[in-house]
Structures are given as C-alpha cells and as structure tokens.
Amino acid sequence: QVQLVESGGGLVQDGGSLRLSCAASGSISGINVMGWVRQAPGKQRELVASIYSSGDTNYADSVKGRFTISRDNGKNTVILQMNSLKPEDTAVYFCNAHYLGGWAWGQGTHVTVSS
C-alpha cells in the first residue's frame, strides 16, 4: 500500500505562484510514476503533470512553461511548482502514484486563482 498526503494549496491572485507537495509513505519502492491530476467544478479530471522513476516528465499543454514537477527521492516527495497562475487553473489538485499494487490517490488540495 502507498499513502499520499498533499499540501500547499490556497488562494492566489492571477499571475501568482503556488507550490504543491505530495508526500508518499508505505510501499514506496514500488512506485514507478507520480503525478498531479486536477478537477475543476463541472469538468472532468485532467492530468496536469507526471514524473517517472527515470526522471522523465510529462505535462498537459495548458500548463507547459508555467508548471514544473520534480521529485525529491530522499524525502519521498513530489513537488508541483505552479507559476503564472490563471483563473482557469482553479481546481482541486490530486496527487497520484502508480505502484505494483495499482494506483494510490491523495485527498486533494484546493487551488483558487482570483482574477
């Protein structure tokens, strides 16, 4: 089992920055990819960014050049640095991880960008 705990959401103005963290615990040695997914009100979940154990990363077109995902293996933590935030980035952001036993999900953290 893998457990994920997110932190770092909040309210920010248009053009501002936020840093989200996701701490993993449990059977972390089996994790091969971690990422962030967001869900805005009335919309489907959207993959925002992911990072593989190899270090390769993947981003949604809507966040390329503004968001950066990184991984601190020593702390078993994944960071999503979000810059130049826009009102359309407002959503609940979920951390997820794929491991040998399947998928693990965090509880979600709210990000609100005011115009």
C-alpha atoms as a PDB file:
ATOM      1  CA  GLN A   1       0.000   0.000   0.000  1.00  0.00           C
ATOM      2  CA  VAL A   2       1.039   3.551  -0.720  1.00  0.00           C
ATOM      3  CA  GLN A   3      -0.346   6.562   1.109  1.00  0.00           C
ATOM      4  CA  LEU A   4      -0.193  10.089  -0.283  1.00  0.00           C
ATOM      5  CA  VAL A   5      -0.655  13.377   1.560  1.00  0.00           C
ATOM      6  CA  GLU A   6      -0.845  16.683  -0.329  1.00  0.00           C
ATOM      7  CA  SER A   7      -0.208  20.167   0.968  1.00  0.00           C
ATOM      8  CA  GLY A   8       0.299  23.670  -0.334  1.00  0.00           C
ATOM      9  CA  GLY A   9      -2.996  24.695  -1.922  1.00  0.00           C
ATOM     10  CA  GLY A  10      -4.686  28.006  -1.303  1.00  0.00           C
ATOM     11  CA  LEU A  11      -5.885  31.275  -2.770  1.00  0.00           C
ATOM     12  CA  VAL A  12      -3.671  33.305  -5.075  1.00  0.00           C
ATOM     13  CA  GLN A  13      -4.154  36.180  -7.492  1.00  0.00           C
ATOM     14  CA  ASP A  14      -3.945  35.927 -11.252  1.00  0.00           C
ATOM     15  CA  GLY A  15      -0.261  35.697 -12.189  1.00  0.00           C
ATOM     16  CA  GLY A  16       0.796  34.408  -8.786  1.00  0.00           C
ATOM     17  CA  SER A  17       2.579  31.226  -7.758  1.00  0.00           C
ATOM     18  CA  LEU A  18       1.899  28.237  -5.547  1.00  0.00           C
ATOM     19  CA  ARG A  19       3.894  25.169  -4.626  1.00  0.00           C
ATOM     20  CA  LEU A  20       2.144  21.863  -4.030  1.00  0.00           C
ATOM     21  CA  SER A  21       3.797  18.972  -2.219  1.00  0.00           C
ATOM     22  CA  CYS A  22       2.864  15.298  -2.106  1.00  0.00           C
ATOM     23  CA  ALA A  23       4.480  13.064   0.484  1.00  0.00           C
ATOM     24  CA  ALA A  24       4.422   9.326  -0.149  1.00  0.00           C
ATOM     25  CA  SER A  25       4.675   6.618   2.507  1.00  0.00           C
ATOM     26  CA  GLY A  26       4.248   2.872   2.631  1.00  0.00           C
ATOM     27  CA  SER A  27       5.473   0.624  -0.191  1.00  0.00           C
ATOM     28  CA  ILE A  28       7.236   3.470  -1.972  1.00  0.00           C
ATOM     29  CA  SER A  29       9.940   1.295  -3.511  1.00  0.00           C
ATOM     30  CA  GLY A  30       7.371   0.009  -5.994  1.00  0.00           C
ATOM     31  CA  ILE A  31       6.328   3.422  -7.285  1.00  0.00           C
ATOM     32  CA  ASN A  32       7.175   3.952 -10.963  1.00  0.00           C
ATOM     33  CA  VAL A  33       5.334   7.190 -11.666  1.00  0.00           C
ATOM     34  CA  MET A  34       3.818  10.009  -9.638  1.00  0.00           C
ATOM     35  CA  GLY A  35       1.788  12.920 -10.820  1.00  0.00           C
ATOM     36  CA  TRP A  36      -0.861  15.543 -10.330  1.00  0.00           C
ATOM     37  CA  VAL A  37      -4.392  15.493 -11.650  1.00  0.00           C
ATOM     38  CA  ARG A  38      -6.879  18.331 -11.245  1.00  0.00           C
ATOM     39  CA  GLN A  39     -10.632  18.614 -11.372  1.00  0.00           C
ATOM     40  CA  ALA A  40     -12.434  21.892 -11.821  1.00  0.00           C
ATOM     41  CA  PRO A  41     -16.124  22.256 -10.926  1.00  0.00           C
ATOM     42  CA  GLY A  42     -18.287  20.657 -13.584  1.00  0.00           C
ATOM     43  CA  LYS A  43     -15.318  19.350 -15.550  1.00  0.00           C
ATOM     44  CA  GLN A  44     -13.575  16.028 -15.958  1.00  0.00           C
ATOM     45  CA  ARG A  45     -10.313  15.236 -14.232  1.00  0.00           C
ATOM     46  CA  GLU A  46      -7.281  16.408 -16.194  1.00  0.00           C
ATOM     47  CA  LEU A  47      -3.735  15.112 -15.982  1.00  0.00           C
ATOM     48  CA  VAL A  48      -1.541  18.096 -15.137  1.00  0.00           C
ATOM     49  CA  ALA A  49       1.950  16.637 -14.873  1.00  0.00           C
ATOM     50  CA  SER A  50       3.707  13.377 -14.128  1.00  0.00           C
ATOM     51  CA  ILE A  51       7.226  12.243 -13.335  1.00  0.00           C
ATOM     52  CA  TYR A  52       8.625   8.769 -13.818  1.00  0.00           C
ATOM     53  CA  SER A  53      11.224   6.975 -11.744  1.00  0.00           C
ATOM     54  CA  SER A  54      13.588   7.578 -14.677  1.00  0.00           C
ATOM     55  CA  GLY A  55      13.155  11.317 -14.196  1.00  0.00           C
ATOM     56  CA  ASP A  56      11.174  11.793 -17.396  1.00  0.00           C
ATOM     57  CA  THR A  57       8.316  14.256 -17.101  1.00  0.00           C
ATOM     58  CA  ASN A  58       5.062  14.875 -18.912  1.00  0.00           C
ATOM     59  CA  TYR A  59       2.861  17.987 -18.887  1.00  0.00           C
ATOM     60  CA  ALA A  60      -0.561  18.985 -20.116  1.00  0.00           C
ATOM     61  CA  ASP A  61      -0.332  21.524 -22.934  1.00  0.00           C
ATOM     62  CA  SER A  62      -2.278  24.001 -20.815  1.00  0.00           C
ATOM     63  CA  VAL A  63       0.471  24.171 -18.168  1.00  0.00           C
ATOM     64  CA  LYS A  64       3.658  23.759 -20.199  1.00  0.00           C
ATOM     65  CA  GLY A  65       6.125  26.518 -19.471  1.00  0.00           C
ATOM     66  CA  ARG A  66       4.280  27.512 -16.290  1.00  0.00           C
ATOM     67  CA  PHE A  67       4.308  24.399 -14.086  1.00  0.00           C
ATOM     68  CA  THR A  68       7.275  22.259 -13.094  1.00  0.00           C
ATOM     69  CA  ILE A  69       7.109  18.833 -11.488  1.00  0.00           C
ATOM     70  CA  SER A  70      10.058  17.497  -9.544  1.00  0.00           C
ATOM     71  CA  ARG A  71      10.804  14.637  -7.208  1.00  0.00           C
ATOM     72  CA  ASP A  72      12.809  14.562  -4.007  1.00  0.00           C
ATOM     73  CA  ASN A  73      13.621  10.896  -3.654  1.00  0.00           C
ATOM     74  CA  GLY A  74      15.296  11.420  -0.315  1.00  0.00           C
ATOM     75  CA  LYS A  75      12.073  12.792   1.129  1.00  0.00           C
ATOM     76  CA  ASN A  76       9.722  10.641  -0.994  1.00  0.00           C
ATOM     77  CA  THR A  77       8.043  13.836  -2.083  1.00  0.00           C
ATOM     78  CA  VAL A  78       6.807  15.181  -5.390  1.00  0.00           C
ATOM     79  CA  ILE A  79       6.611  18.927  -5.882  1.00  0.00           C
ATOM     80  CA  LEU A  80       4.472  20.856  -8.351  1.00  0.00           C
ATOM     81  CA  GLN A  81       5.698  24.412  -8.740  1.00  0.00           C
ATOM     82  CA  MET A  82       2.974  26.494 -10.355  1.00  0.00           C
ATOM     83  CA  ASN A  83       3.866  29.908 -11.749  1.00  0.00           C
ATOM     84  CA  SER A  84       1.903  32.451 -13.777  1.00  0.00           C
ATOM     85  CA  LEU A  85      -1.328  31.013 -12.451  1.00  0.00           C
ATOM     86  CA  LYS A  86      -4.558  31.792 -14.258  1.00  0.00           C
ATOM     87  CA  PRO A  87      -8.182  31.689 -13.080  1.00  0.00           C
ATOM     88  CA  GLU A  88      -8.694  28.619 -15.273  1.00  0.00           C
ATOM     89  CA  ASP A  89      -6.169  26.772 -13.099  1.00  0.00           C
ATOM     90  CA  THR A  90      -8.701  26.850 -10.272  1.00  0.00           C
ATOM     91  CA  ALA A  91      -9.431  23.255  -9.285  1.00  0.00           C
ATOM     92  CA  VAL A  92      -8.909  20.554  -6.719  1.00  0.00           C
ATOM     93  CA  TYR A  93      -5.466  19.087  -7.297  1.00  0.00           C
ATOM     94  CA  PHE A  94      -4.896  15.407  -6.545  1.00  0.00           C
ATOM     95  CA  CYS A  95      -1.586  13.646  -6.240  1.00  0.00           C
ATOM     96  CA  ASN A  96      -1.422  10.101  -7.560  1.00  0.00           C
ATOM     97  CA  ALA A  97       1.105   7.306  -7.784  1.00  0.00           C
ATOM     98  CA  HIS A  98       1.280   4.076  -9.717  1.00  0.00           C
ATOM     99  CA  TYR A  99       2.953   1.181  -7.949  1.00  0.00           C
ATOM    100  CA  LEU A 100       2.936  -2.600  -8.048  1.00  0.00           C
ATOM    101  CA  GLY A 101      -0.409  -2.780  -6.252  1.00  0.00           C
ATOM    102  CA  GLY A 102      -2.200  -0.304  -8.507  1.00  0.00           C
ATOM    103  CA  TRP A 103      -2.949   3.389  -8.072  1.00  0.00           C
ATOM    104  CA  ALA A 104      -2.866   5.481  -4.934  1.00  0.00           C
ATOM    105  CA  TRP A 105      -4.550   8.866  -4.587  1.00  0.00           C
ATOM    106  CA  GLY A 106      -4.252  11.713  -2.154  1.00  0.00           C
ATOM    107  CA  GLN A 107      -7.217  13.510  -0.628  1.00  0.00           C
ATOM    108  CA  GLY A 108      -6.845  16.592  -2.830  1.00  0.00           C
ATOM    109  CA  THR A 109      -5.924  20.192  -2.168  1.00  0.00           C
ATOM    110  CA  HIS A 110      -7.836  23.246  -3.362  1.00  0.00           C
ATOM    111  CA  VAL A 111      -6.226  25.846  -5.590  1.00  0.00           C
ATOM    112  CA  THR A 112      -8.169  29.035  -6.283  1.00  0.00           C
ATOM    113  CA  VAL A 113      -6.854  31.719  -8.609  1.00  0.00           C
ATOM    114  CA  SER A 114      -8.716  35.021  -8.425  1.00  0.00           C
ATOM    115  CA  SER A 115      -8.909  37.416 -11.352  1.00  0.00           C
END
